[in-house]
Structure formats: structure tokens, C-alpha cells
Amino acid sequence: KISGKPLISDKVRYNQLRSGHVAVLPGKSSEFHNLIRKMVSPNAAERPRASDIVEYLQNRLFSDKHTKMKAKFSEEQARMKKKMDDMSREIRRLKDQITCRGNG
């Protein structure tokens, strides 16, 4: 209870939670679901320490940020390559134009 109110009013859901059964959370990975399941395990030895949870979250956040940064870098790299290719074509066109004038 928090502030005198029950956390879960549905006794079936409460008993399921107390026995370690957690509903699948839509849009969350199986890895995250397993972490939640371990956190509510009736067996205290199976529950992760707070430091384990923090480590998991930090690794997950770092991994997500790294993936996003890598994707941004790849996009920027592709844009720069296109600009360089466009500039190379323009230089060749100008060289050809100068060469034609010099020969004409």
C-alpha cells in the first residue's frame, strides 16, 4: 500500500504478480521483459540487485545512443559523398568546357 491505497485492487493480478508472472509489455524487448520478471520473482535470490538494474539501463541507453549516433554519422557521410560526387562532376564539366574553348 502507498498512502493507504492498495497497489493492485485486482486480486487475480496481484496473485499473478506475487508468483512472478508478468504480462508481456507491448513494444518492449524480451530482454527487458525478463528483467522485469526477475525483479518481481518470489525467490529473492533471483531478483537483481539495484546496481545490476542500473548497469543494464546504462548499457542499454549507451547502446541506443551509439546506434543513433552511428546512423547519423552514416547519413552525414552519405550526404558528404554526394556533395563530393556532384562537385567532381562539375569540375569535369568545367574542365571539358575550358578544353573545348582552347581547341576551338
PDB file of N, CA and C in Angstrom:
ATOM      1  N   LYS A   1       0.832  -1.198   0.000  1.00  0.00           N
ATOM      2  CA  LYS A   1       0.000   0.000   0.000  1.00  0.00           C
ATOM      3  C   LYS A   1       0.868   1.249   0.000  1.00  0.00           C
ATOM      4  N   ILE A   2       0.411   2.228  -0.734  1.00  0.00           N
ATOM      5  CA  ILE A   2       1.046   3.541  -0.732  1.00  0.00           C
ATOM      6  C   ILE A   2      -0.040   4.538  -0.335  1.00  0.00           C
ATOM      7  N   SER A   3       0.225   5.338   0.645  1.00  0.00           N
ATOM      8  CA  SER A   3      -0.747   6.315   1.138  1.00  0.00           C
ATOM      9  C   SER A   3      -2.066   5.652   1.508  1.00  0.00           C
ATOM     10  N   GLY A   4      -2.017   4.423   2.002  1.00  0.00           N
ATOM     11  CA  GLY A   4      -3.224   3.736   2.434  1.00  0.00           C
ATOM     12  C   GLY A   4      -4.043   3.140   1.310  1.00  0.00           C
ATOM     13  N   LYS A   5      -3.578   3.248   0.060  1.00  0.00           N
ATOM     14  CA  LYS A   5      -4.322   2.705  -1.083  1.00  0.00           C
ATOM     15  C   LYS A   5      -3.624   1.441  -1.567  1.00  0.00           C
ATOM     16  N   PRO A   6      -4.389   0.420  -1.936  1.00  0.00           N
ATOM     17  CA  PRO A   6      -3.751  -0.801  -2.450  1.00  0.00           C
ATOM     18  C   PRO A   6      -3.080  -0.538  -3.797  1.00  0.00           C
ATOM     19  N   LEU A   7      -1.931  -1.168  -4.004  1.00  0.00           N
ATOM     20  CA  LEU A   7      -1.227  -1.013  -5.275  1.00  0.00           C
ATOM     21  C   LEU A   7      -2.002  -1.670  -6.410  1.00  0.00           C
ATOM     22  N   ILE A   8      -2.531  -2.858  -6.148  1.00  0.00           N
ATOM     23  CA  ILE A   8      -3.311  -3.583  -7.149  1.00  0.00           C
ATOM     24  C   ILE A   8      -4.619  -3.992  -6.497  1.00  0.00           C
ATOM     25  N   SER A   9      -5.724  -3.543  -7.071  1.00  0.00           N
ATOM     26  CA  SER A   9      -7.010  -3.874  -6.470  1.00  0.00           C
ATOM     27  C   SER A   9      -7.536  -5.216  -6.967  1.00  0.00           C
ATOM     28  N   ASP A  10      -7.065  -5.663  -8.138  1.00  0.00           N
ATOM     29  CA  ASP A  10      -7.496  -6.942  -8.710  1.00  0.00           C
ATOM     30  C   ASP A  10      -6.687  -8.064  -8.051  1.00  0.00           C
ATOM     31  N   LYS A  11      -7.373  -8.907  -7.262  1.00  0.00           N
ATOM     32  CA  LYS A  11      -6.664  -9.960  -6.508  1.00  0.00           C
ATOM     33  C   LYS A  11      -6.011 -10.992  -7.424  1.00  0.00           C
ATOM     34  N   VAL A  12      -6.622 -11.274  -8.579  1.00  0.00           N
ATOM     35  CA  VAL A  12      -6.036 -12.243  -9.516  1.00  0.00           C
ATOM     36  C   VAL A  12      -4.707 -11.704 -10.032  1.00  0.00           C
ATOM     37  N   ARG A  13      -4.712 -10.441 -10.479  1.00  0.00           N
ATOM     38  CA  ARG A  13      -3.472  -9.838 -10.979  1.00  0.00           C
ATOM     39  C   ARG A  13      -2.435  -9.740  -9.870  1.00  0.00           C
ATOM     40  N   TYR A  14      -2.872  -9.414  -8.670  1.00  0.00           N
ATOM     41  CA  TYR A  14      -1.966  -9.325  -7.531  1.00  0.00           C
ATOM     42  C   TYR A  14      -1.289 -10.669  -7.277  1.00  0.00           C
ATOM     43  N   ASN A  15      -2.084 -11.738  -7.275  1.00  0.00           N
ATOM     44  CA  ASN A  15      -1.524 -13.076  -7.040  1.00  0.00           C
ATOM     45  C   ASN A  15      -0.598 -13.503  -8.171  1.00  0.00           C
ATOM     46  N   GLN A  16      -0.936 -13.143  -9.390  1.00  0.00           N
ATOM     47  CA  GLN A  16      -0.059 -13.455 -10.521  1.00  0.00           C
ATOM     48  C   GLN A  16       1.284 -12.736 -10.362  1.00  0.00           C
ATOM     49  N   LEU A  17       1.219 -11.467 -10.002  1.00  0.00           N
ATOM     50  CA  LEU A  17       2.432 -10.687  -9.819  1.00  0.00           C
ATOM     51  C   LEU A  17       3.267 -11.247  -8.673  1.00  0.00           C
ATOM     52  N   ARG A  18       2.626 -11.588  -7.577  1.00  0.00           N
ATOM     53  CA  ARG A  18       3.329 -12.148  -6.419  1.00  0.00           C
ATOM     54  C   ARG A  18       3.984 -13.482  -6.752  1.00  0.00           C
ATOM     55  N   SER A  19       3.411 -14.213  -7.701  1.00  0.00           N
ATOM     56  CA  SER A  19       4.001 -15.504  -8.067  1.00  0.00           C
ATOM     57  C   SER A  19       5.028 -15.369  -9.197  1.00  0.00           C
ATOM     58  N   GLY A  20       5.289 -14.134  -9.612  1.00  0.00           N
ATOM     59  CA  GLY A  20       6.331 -13.895 -10.608  1.00  0.00           C
ATOM     60  C   GLY A  20       5.855 -13.859 -12.044  1.00  0.00           C
ATOM     61  N   HIS A  21       4.553 -13.887 -12.262  1.00  0.00           N
ATOM     62  CA  HIS A  21       4.012 -13.831 -13.623  1.00  0.00           C
ATOM     63  C   HIS A  21       3.775 -12.378 -14.015  1.00  0.00           C
ATOM     64  N   VAL A  22       4.415 -11.972 -15.093  1.00  0.00           N
ATOM     65  CA  VAL A  22       4.303 -10.598 -15.569  1.00  0.00           C
ATOM     66  C   VAL A  22       3.782 -10.635 -16.994  1.00  0.00           C
ATOM     67  N   ALA A  23       2.798  -9.805 -17.276  1.00  0.00           N
ATOM     68  CA  ALA A  23       2.257  -9.724 -18.639  1.00  0.00           C
ATOM     69  C   ALA A  23       3.330  -9.154 -19.570  1.00  0.00           C
ATOM     70  N   VAL A  24       3.292  -9.601 -20.815  1.00  0.00           N
ATOM     71  CA  VAL A  24       4.217  -9.082 -21.817  1.00  0.00           C
ATOM     72  C   VAL A  24       3.888  -7.611 -22.058  1.00  0.00           C
ATOM     73  N   LEU A  25       4.911  -6.793 -22.046  1.00  0.00           N
ATOM     74  CA  LEU A  25       4.718  -5.363 -22.250  1.00  0.00           C
ATOM     75  C   LEU A  25       4.901  -5.044 -23.731  1.00  0.00           C
ATOM     76  N   PRO A  26       3.857  -4.543 -24.387  1.00  0.00           N
ATOM     77  CA  PRO A  26       3.947  -4.261 -25.827  1.00  0.00           C
ATOM     78  C   PRO A  26       5.063  -3.275 -26.145  1.00  0.00           C
ATOM     79  N   GLY A  27       5.799  -3.580 -27.190  1.00  0.00           N
ATOM     80  CA  GLY A  27       6.859  -2.691 -27.650  1.00  0.00           C
ATOM     81  C   GLY A  27       8.163  -2.807 -26.872  1.00  0.00           C
ATOM     82  N   LYS A  28       8.217  -3.708 -25.909  1.00  0.00           N
ATOM     83  CA  LYS A  28       9.442  -3.882 -25.123  1.00  0.00           C
ATOM     84  C   LYS A  28      10.122  -5.180 -25.524  1.00  0.00           C
ATOM     85  N   SER A  29      11.431  -5.198 -25.417  1.00  0.00           N
ATOM     86  CA  SER A  29      12.207  -6.379 -25.813  1.00  0.00           C
ATOM     87  C   SER A  29      12.008  -7.514 -24.818  1.00  0.00           C
ATOM     88  N   SER A  30      12.308  -8.721 -25.263  1.00  0.00           N
ATOM     89  CA  SER A  30      12.238  -9.874 -24.368  1.00  0.00           C
ATOM     90  C   SER A  30      13.273  -9.725 -23.255  1.00  0.00           C
ATOM     91  N   GLU A  31      14.391  -9.078 -23.567  1.00  0.00           N
ATOM     92  CA  GLU A  31      15.429  -8.835 -22.558  1.00  0.00           C
ATOM     93  C   GLU A  31      14.874  -7.962 -21.426  1.00  0.00           C
ATOM     94  N   PHE A  32      14.139  -6.906 -21.796  1.00  0.00           N
ATOM     95  CA  PHE A  32      13.531  -6.026 -20.800  1.00  0.00           C
ATOM     96  C   PHE A  32      12.465  -6.779 -20.004  1.00  0.00           C
ATOM     97  N   HIS A  33      11.651  -7.558 -20.704  1.00  0.00           N
ATOM     98  CA  HIS A  33      10.607  -8.345 -20.045  1.00  0.00           C
ATOM     99  C   HIS A  33      11.225  -9.302 -19.030  1.00  0.00           C
ATOM    100  N   ASN A  34      12.317  -9.944 -19.395  1.00  0.00           N
ATOM    101  CA  ASN A  34      12.992 -10.865 -18.470  1.00  0.00           C
ATOM    102  C   ASN A  34      13.522 -10.127 -17.240  1.00  0.00           C
ATOM    103  N   LEU A  35      14.018  -8.916 -17.439  1.00  0.00           N
ATOM    104  CA  LEU A  35      14.487  -8.122 -16.300  1.00  0.00           C
ATOM    105  C   LEU A  35      13.329  -7.846 -15.336  1.00  0.00           C
ATOM    106  N   ILE A  36      12.198  -7.422 -15.868  1.00  0.00           N
ATOM    107  CA  ILE A  36      11.025  -7.147 -15.025  1.00  0.00           C
ATOM    108  C   ILE A  36      10.585  -8.418 -14.306  1.00  0.00           C
ATOM    109  N   ARG A  37      10.560  -9.529 -15.042  1.00  0.00           N
ATOM    110  CA  ARG A  37      10.153 -10.812 -14.444  1.00  0.00           C
ATOM    111  C   ARG A  37      11.079 -11.177 -13.282  1.00  0.00           C
ATOM    112  N   LYS A  38      12.376 -10.966 -13.465  1.00  0.00           N
ATOM    113  CA  LYS A  38      13.331 -11.264 -12.387  1.00  0.00           C
ATOM    114  C   LYS A  38      13.133 -10.316 -11.203  1.00  0.00           C
ATOM    115  N   MET A  39      12.780  -9.065 -11.493  1.00  0.00           N
ATOM    116  CA  MET A  39      12.598  -8.084 -10.425  1.00  0.00           C
ATOM    117  C   MET A  39      11.433  -8.434  -9.500  1.00  0.00           C
ATOM    118  N   VAL A  40      10.416  -9.109 -10.032  1.00  0.00           N
ATOM    119  CA  VAL A  40       9.247  -9.455  -9.209  1.00  0.00           C
ATOM    120  C   VAL A  40       9.244 -10.925  -8.802  1.00  0.00           C
ATOM    121  N   SER A  41      10.347 -11.605  -9.022  1.00  0.00           N
ATOM    122  CA  SER A  41      10.427 -13.022  -8.675  1.00  0.00           C
ATOM    123  C   SER A  41      10.153 -13.227  -7.183  1.00  0.00           C
ATOM    124  N   PRO A  42       9.347 -14.256  -6.857  1.00  0.00           N
ATOM    125  CA  PRO A  42       9.114 -14.559  -5.439  1.00  0.00           C
ATOM    126  C   PRO A  42      10.393 -15.021  -4.739  1.00  0.00           C
ATOM    127  N   ASN A  43      11.334 -15.546  -5.518  1.00  0.00           N
ATOM    128  CA  ASN A  43      12.599 -16.019  -4.966  1.00  0.00           C
ATOM    129  C   ASN A  43      13.592 -14.850  -4.927  1.00  0.00           C
ATOM    130  N   ALA A  44      13.909 -14.386  -3.745  1.00  0.00           N
ATOM    131  CA  ALA A  44      14.784 -13.217  -3.583  1.00  0.00           C
ATOM    132  C   ALA A  44      16.147 -13.423  -4.242  1.00  0.00           C
ATOM    133  N   ALA A  45      16.631 -14.657  -4.289  1.00  0.00           N
ATOM    134  CA  ALA A  45      17.945 -14.933  -4.892  1.00  0.00           C
ATOM    135  C   ALA A  45      17.942 -14.667  -6.394  1.00  0.00           C
ATOM    136  N   GLU A  46      16.786 -14.736  -7.027  1.00  0.00           N
ATOM    137  CA  GLU A  46      16.678 -14.491  -8.468  1.00  0.00           C
ATOM    138  C   GLU A  46      16.548 -13.010  -8.803  1.00  0.00           C
ATOM    139  N   ARG A  47      16.201 -12.188  -7.821  1.00  0.00           N
ATOM    140  CA  ARG A  47      15.998 -10.757  -8.078  1.00  0.00           C
ATOM    141  C   ARG A  47      17.340 -10.061  -8.265  1.00  0.00           C
ATOM    142  N   PRO A  48      17.417  -9.183  -9.260  1.00  0.00           N
ATOM    143  CA  PRO A  48      18.676  -8.455  -9.482  1.00  0.00           C
ATOM    144  C   PRO A  48      18.883  -7.398  -8.391  1.00  0.00           C
ATOM    145  N   ARG A  49      20.154  -7.099  -8.142  1.00  0.00           N
ATOM    146  CA  ARG A  49      20.477  -6.007  -7.228  1.00  0.00           C
ATOM    147  C   ARG A  49      20.209  -4.686  -7.950  1.00  0.00           C
ATOM    148  N   ALA A  50      20.051  -3.625  -7.188  1.00  0.00           N
ATOM    149  CA  ALA A  50      19.826  -2.298  -7.786  1.00  0.00           C
ATOM    150  C   ALA A  50      20.973  -1.944  -8.732  1.00  0.00           C
ATOM    151  N   SER A  51      22.206  -2.297  -8.346  1.00  0.00           N
ATOM    152  CA  SER A  51      23.362  -1.989  -9.200  1.00  0.00           C
ATOM    153  C   SER A  51      23.279  -2.743 -10.534  1.00  0.00           C
ATOM    154  N   ASP A  52      22.708  -3.973 -10.525  1.00  0.00           N
ATOM    155  CA  ASP A  52      22.530  -4.736 -11.766  1.00  0.00           C
ATOM    156  C   ASP A  52      21.526  -4.036 -12.689  1.00  0.00           C
ATOM    157  N   ILE A  53      20.478  -3.506 -12.090  1.00  0.00           N
ATOM    158  CA  ILE A  53      19.442  -2.813 -12.873  1.00  0.00           C
ATOM    159  C   ILE A  53      20.024  -1.534 -13.472  1.00  0.00           C
ATOM    160  N   VAL A  54      20.759  -0.786 -12.674  1.00  0.00           N
ATOM    161  CA  VAL A  54      21.384   0.447 -13.157  1.00  0.00           C
ATOM    162  C   VAL A  54      22.354   0.127 -14.287  1.00  0.00           C
ATOM    163  N   GLU A  55      23.167  -0.905 -14.120  1.00  0.00           N
ATOM    164  CA  GLU A  55      24.121  -1.304 -15.159  1.00  0.00           C
ATOM    165  C   GLU A  55      23.402  -1.675 -16.449  1.00  0.00           C
ATOM    166  N   TYR A  56      22.315  -2.448 -16.326  1.00  0.00           N
ATOM    167  CA  TYR A  56      21.533  -2.834 -17.507  1.00  0.00           C
ATOM    168  C   TYR A  56      21.021  -1.587 -18.226  1.00  0.00           C
ATOM    169  N   LEU A  57      20.428  -0.669 -17.464  1.00  0.00           N
ATOM    170  CA  LEU A  57      19.859   0.534 -18.067  1.00  0.00           C
ATOM    171  C   LEU A  57      20.935   1.408 -18.698  1.00  0.00           C
ATOM    172  N   GLN A  58      22.069   1.551 -18.041  1.00  0.00           N
ATOM    173  CA  GLN A  58      23.162   2.351 -18.608  1.00  0.00           C
ATOM    174  C   GLN A  58      23.677   1.726 -19.898  1.00  0.00           C
ATOM    175  N   ASN A  59      23.874   0.420 -19.896  1.00  0.00           N
ATOM    176  CA  ASN A  59      24.346  -0.267 -21.103  1.00  0.00           C
ATOM    177  C   ASN A  59      23.338  -0.136 -22.226  1.00  0.00           C
ATOM    178  N   ARG A  60      22.077  -0.267 -21.880  1.00  0.00           N
ATOM    179  CA  ARG A  60      21.010  -0.180 -22.886  1.00  0.00           C
ATOM    180  C   ARG A  60      20.947   1.220 -23.463  1.00  0.00           C
ATOM    181  N   LEU A  61      21.003   2.235 -22.583  1.00  0.00           N
ATOM    182  CA  LEU A  61      20.951   3.614 -23.056  1.00  0.00           C
ATOM    183  C   LEU A  61      22.171   3.941 -23.892  1.00  0.00           C
ATOM    184  N   PHE A  62      23.352   3.497 -23.458  1.00  0.00           N
ATOM    185  CA  PHE A  62      24.567   3.756 -24.226  1.00  0.00           C
ATOM    186  C   PHE A  62      24.473   3.094 -25.589  1.00  0.00           C
ATOM    187  N   SER A  63      23.988   1.853 -25.601  1.00  0.00           N
ATOM    188  CA  SER A  63      23.867   1.115 -26.857  1.00  0.00           C
ATOM    189  C   SER A  63      22.916   1.833 -27.812  1.00  0.00           C
ATOM    190  N   ASP A  64      21.776   2.300 -27.296  1.00  0.00           N
ATOM    191  CA  ASP A  64      20.803   3.013 -28.129  1.00  0.00           C
ATOM    192  C   ASP A  64      21.395   4.308 -28.671  1.00  0.00           C
ATOM    193  N   LYS A  65      22.091   5.061 -27.791  1.00  0.00           N
ATOM    194  CA  LYS A  65      22.707   6.318 -28.230  1.00  0.00           C
ATOM    195  C   LYS A  65      23.772   6.047 -29.277  1.00  0.00           C
ATOM    196  N   HIS A  66      24.579   4.994 -29.070  1.00  0.00           N
ATOM    197  CA  HIS A  66      25.636   4.646 -30.018  1.00  0.00           C
ATOM    198  C   HIS A  66      25.027   4.311 -31.380  1.00  0.00           C
ATOM    199  N   THR A  67      23.960   3.538 -31.373  1.00  0.00           N
ATOM    200  CA  THR A  67      23.294   3.157 -32.621  1.00  0.00           C
ATOM    201  C   THR A  67      22.768   4.384 -33.347  1.00  0.00           C
ATOM    202  N   LYS A  68      22.156   5.296 -32.600  1.00  0.00           N
ATOM    203  CA  LYS A  68      21.617   6.522 -33.213  1.00  0.00           C
ATOM    204  C   LYS A  68      22.745   7.398 -33.749  1.00  0.00           C
ATOM    205  N   MET A  69      23.833   7.513 -32.984  1.00  0.00           N
ATOM    206  CA  MET A  69      24.969   8.319 -33.442  1.00  0.00           C
ATOM    207  C   MET A  69      25.583   7.720 -34.702  1.00  0.00           C
ATOM    208  N   LYS A  70      25.687   6.394 -34.734  1.00  0.00           N
ATOM    209  CA  LYS A  70      26.259   5.721 -35.899  1.00  0.00           C
ATOM    210  C   LYS A  70      25.369   5.959 -37.125  1.00  0.00           C
ATOM    211  N   ALA A  71      24.062   5.898 -36.943  1.00  0.00           N
ATOM    212  CA  ALA A  71      23.131   6.129 -38.051  1.00  0.00           C
ATOM    213  C   ALA A  71      23.254   7.568 -38.556  1.00  0.00           C
ATOM    214  N   LYS A  72      23.349   8.535 -37.626  1.00  0.00           N
ATOM    215  CA  LYS A  72      23.508   9.934 -38.031  1.00  0.00           C
ATOM    216  C   LYS A  72      24.811  10.130 -38.788  1.00  0.00           C
ATOM    217  N   PHE A  73      25.881   9.519 -38.303  1.00  0.00           N
ATOM    218  CA  PHE A  73      27.175   9.626 -38.970  1.00  0.00           C
ATOM    219  C   PHE A  73      27.088   9.060 -40.385  1.00  0.00           C
ATOM    220  N   SER A  74      26.434   7.912 -40.531  1.00  0.00           N
ATOM    221  CA  SER A  74      26.307   7.290 -41.852  1.00  0.00           C
ATOM    222  C   SER A  74      25.513   8.181 -42.797  1.00  0.00           C
ATOM    223  N   GLU A  75      24.449   8.801 -42.286  1.00  0.00           N
ATOM    224  CA  GLU A  75      23.649   9.715 -43.115  1.00  0.00           C
ATOM    225  C   GLU A  75      24.485  10.907 -43.551  1.00  0.00           C
ATOM    226  N   GLU A  76      25.231  11.476 -42.616  1.00  0.00           N
ATOM    227  CA  GLU A  76      26.071  12.637 -42.929  1.00  0.00           C
ATOM    228  C   GLU A  76      27.171  12.248 -43.912  1.00  0.00           C
ATOM    229  N   GLN A  77      27.736  11.073 -43.733  1.00  0.00           N
ATOM    230  CA  GLN A  77      28.771  10.579 -44.636  1.00  0.00           C
ATOM    231  C   GLN A  77      28.202  10.426 -46.056  1.00  0.00           C
ATOM    232  N   ALA A  78      26.999   9.909 -46.177  1.00  0.00           N
ATOM    233  CA  ALA A  78      26.364   9.743 -47.491  1.00  0.00           C
ATOM    234  C   ALA A  78      26.092  11.105 -48.137  1.00  0.00           C
ATOM    235  N   ARG A  79      25.644  12.076 -47.339  1.00  0.00           N
ATOM    236  CA  ARG A  79      25.406  13.430 -47.868  1.00  0.00           C
ATOM    237  C   ARG A  79      26.705  14.054 -48.368  1.00  0.00           C
ATOM    238  N   MET A  80      27.773  13.896 -47.594  1.00  0.00           N
ATOM    239  CA  MET A  80      29.063  14.458 -47.989  1.00  0.00           C
ATOM    240  C   MET A  80      29.588  13.783 -49.256  1.00  0.00           C
ATOM    241  N   LYS A  81      29.408  12.483 -49.374  1.00  0.00           N
ATOM    242  CA  LYS A  81      29.850  11.763 -50.579  1.00  0.00           C
ATOM    243  C   LYS A  81      29.100  12.278 -51.802  1.00  0.00           C
ATOM    244  N   LYS A  82      27.794  12.491 -51.650  1.00  0.00           N
ATOM    245  CA  LYS A  82      27.005  13.008 -52.768  1.00  0.00           C
ATOM    246  C   LYS A  82      27.498  14.392 -53.171  1.00  0.00           C
ATOM    247  N   LYS A  83      27.768  15.252 -52.194  1.00  0.00           N
ATOM    248  CA  LYS A  83      28.290  16.588 -52.498  1.00  0.00           C
ATOM    249  C   LYS A  83      29.621  16.495 -53.236  1.00  0.00           C
ATOM    250  N   MET A  84      30.503  15.613 -52.757  1.00  0.00           N
ATOM    251  CA  MET A  84      31.810  15.453 -53.414  1.00  0.00           C
ATOM    252  C   MET A  84      31.640  14.947 -54.839  1.00  0.00           C
ATOM    253  N   ASP A  85      30.745  13.988 -55.037  1.00  0.00           N
ATOM    254  CA  ASP A  85      30.497  13.473 -56.386  1.00  0.00           C
ATOM    255  C   ASP A  85      29.949  14.575 -57.294  1.00  0.00           C
ATOM    256  N   ASP A  86      29.021  15.372 -56.760  1.00  0.00           N
ATOM    257  CA  ASP A  86      28.459  16.484 -57.536  1.00  0.00           C
ATOM    258  C   ASP A  86      29.547  17.491 -57.901  1.00  0.00           C
ATOM    259  N   MET A  87      30.419  17.808 -56.953  1.00  0.00           N
ATOM    260  CA  MET A  87      31.497  18.753 -57.208  1.00  0.00           C
ATOM    261  C   MET A  87      32.484  18.199 -58.232  1.00  0.00           C
ATOM    262  N   SER A  88      32.788  16.905 -58.147  1.00  0.00           N
ATOM    263  CA  SER A  88      33.701  16.279 -59.116  1.00  0.00           C
ATOM    264  C   SER A  88      33.114  16.347 -60.525  1.00  0.00           C
ATOM    265  N   ARG A  89      31.832  16.074 -60.644  1.00  0.00           N
ATOM    266  CA  ARG A  89      31.185  16.163 -61.961  1.00  0.00           C
ATOM    267  C   ARG A  89      31.241  17.597 -62.502  1.00  0.00           C
ATOM    268  N   GLU A  90      30.993  18.560 -61.620  1.00  0.00           N
ATOM    269  CA  GLU A  90      31.023  19.963 -62.038  1.00  0.00           C
ATOM    270  C   GLU A  90      32.427  20.371 -62.466  1.00  0.00           C
ATOM    271  N   ILE A  91      33.442  19.930 -61.755  1.00  0.00           N
ATOM    272  CA  ILE A  91      34.836  20.231 -62.127  1.00  0.00           C
ATOM    273  C   ILE A  91      35.159  19.625 -63.490  1.00  0.00           C
ATOM    274  N   ARG A  92      34.753  18.357 -63.711  1.00  0.00           N
ATOM    275  CA  ARG A  92      34.993  17.724 -65.026  1.00  0.00           C
ATOM    276  C   ARG A  92      34.276  18.492 -66.138  1.00  0.00           C
ATOM    277  N   ARG A  93      33.045  18.913 -65.857  1.00  0.00           N
ATOM    278  CA  ARG A  93      32.287  19.660 -66.864  1.00  0.00           C
ATOM    279  C   ARG A  93      32.989  20.966 -67.201  1.00  0.00           C
ATOM    280  N   LEU A  94      33.467  21.662 -66.168  1.00  0.00           N
ATOM    281  CA  LEU A  94      34.168  22.931 -66.403  1.00  0.00           C
ATOM    282  C   LEU A  94      35.485  22.709 -67.146  1.00  0.00           C
ATOM    283  N   LYS A  95      36.213  21.642 -66.782  1.00  0.00           N
ATOM    284  CA  LYS A  95      37.458  21.324 -67.485  1.00  0.00           C
ATOM    285  C   LYS A  95      37.180  21.042 -68.965  1.00  0.00           C
ATOM    286  N   ASP A  96      36.141  20.265 -69.218  1.00  0.00           N
ATOM    287  CA  ASP A  96      35.786  19.954 -70.605  1.00  0.00           C
ATOM    288  C   ASP A  96      35.420  21.223 -71.357  1.00  0.00           C
ATOM    289  N   GLN A  97      34.715  22.112 -70.684  1.00  0.00           N
ATOM    290  CA  GLN A  97      34.304  23.375 -71.301  1.00  0.00           C
ATOM    291  C   GLN A  97      35.529  24.221 -71.647  1.00  0.00           C
ATOM    292  N   ILE A  98      36.488  24.284 -70.721  1.00  0.00           N
ATOM    293  CA  ILE A  98      37.722  25.062 -70.954  1.00  0.00           C
ATOM    294  C   ILE A  98      38.515  24.431 -72.089  1.00  0.00           C
ATOM    295  N   THR A  99      38.621  23.090 -72.082  1.00  0.00           N
ATOM    296  CA  THR A  99      39.364  22.381 -73.119  1.00  0.00           C
ATOM    297  C   THR A  99      38.748  22.627 -74.492  1.00  0.00           C
ATOM    298  N   CYS A 100      37.434  22.603 -74.587  1.00  0.00           N
ATOM    299  CA  CYS A 100      36.751  22.848 -75.859  1.00  0.00           C
ATOM    300  C   CYS A 100      37.015  24.260 -76.355  1.00  0.00           C
ATOM    301  N   ARG A 101      37.007  25.233 -75.483  1.00  0.00           N
ATOM    302  CA  ARG A 101      37.268  26.638 -75.873  1.00  0.00           C
ATOM    303  C   ARG A 101      38.704  26.799 -76.338  1.00  0.00           C
ATOM    304  N   GLY A 102      39.632  26.104 -75.664  1.00  0.00           N
ATOM    305  CA  GLY A 102      41.051  26.214 -76.025  1.00  0.00           C
ATOM    306  C   GLY A 102      41.335  25.580 -77.371  1.00  0.00           C
ATOM    307  N   ASN A 103      40.570  24.533 -77.724  1.00  0.00           N
ATOM    308  CA  ASN A 103      40.773  23.845 -79.001  1.00  0.00           C
ATOM    309  C   ASN A 103      39.980  24.508 -80.129  1.00  0.00           C
ATOM    310  N   GLY A 104      39.066  25.370 -79.808  1.00  0.00           N
ATOM    311  CA  GLY A 104      38.162  25.921 -80.823  1.00  0.00           C
ATOM    312  C   GLY A 104      38.613  27.160 -81.396  1.00  0.00           C
TER     313      GLY A 104
END
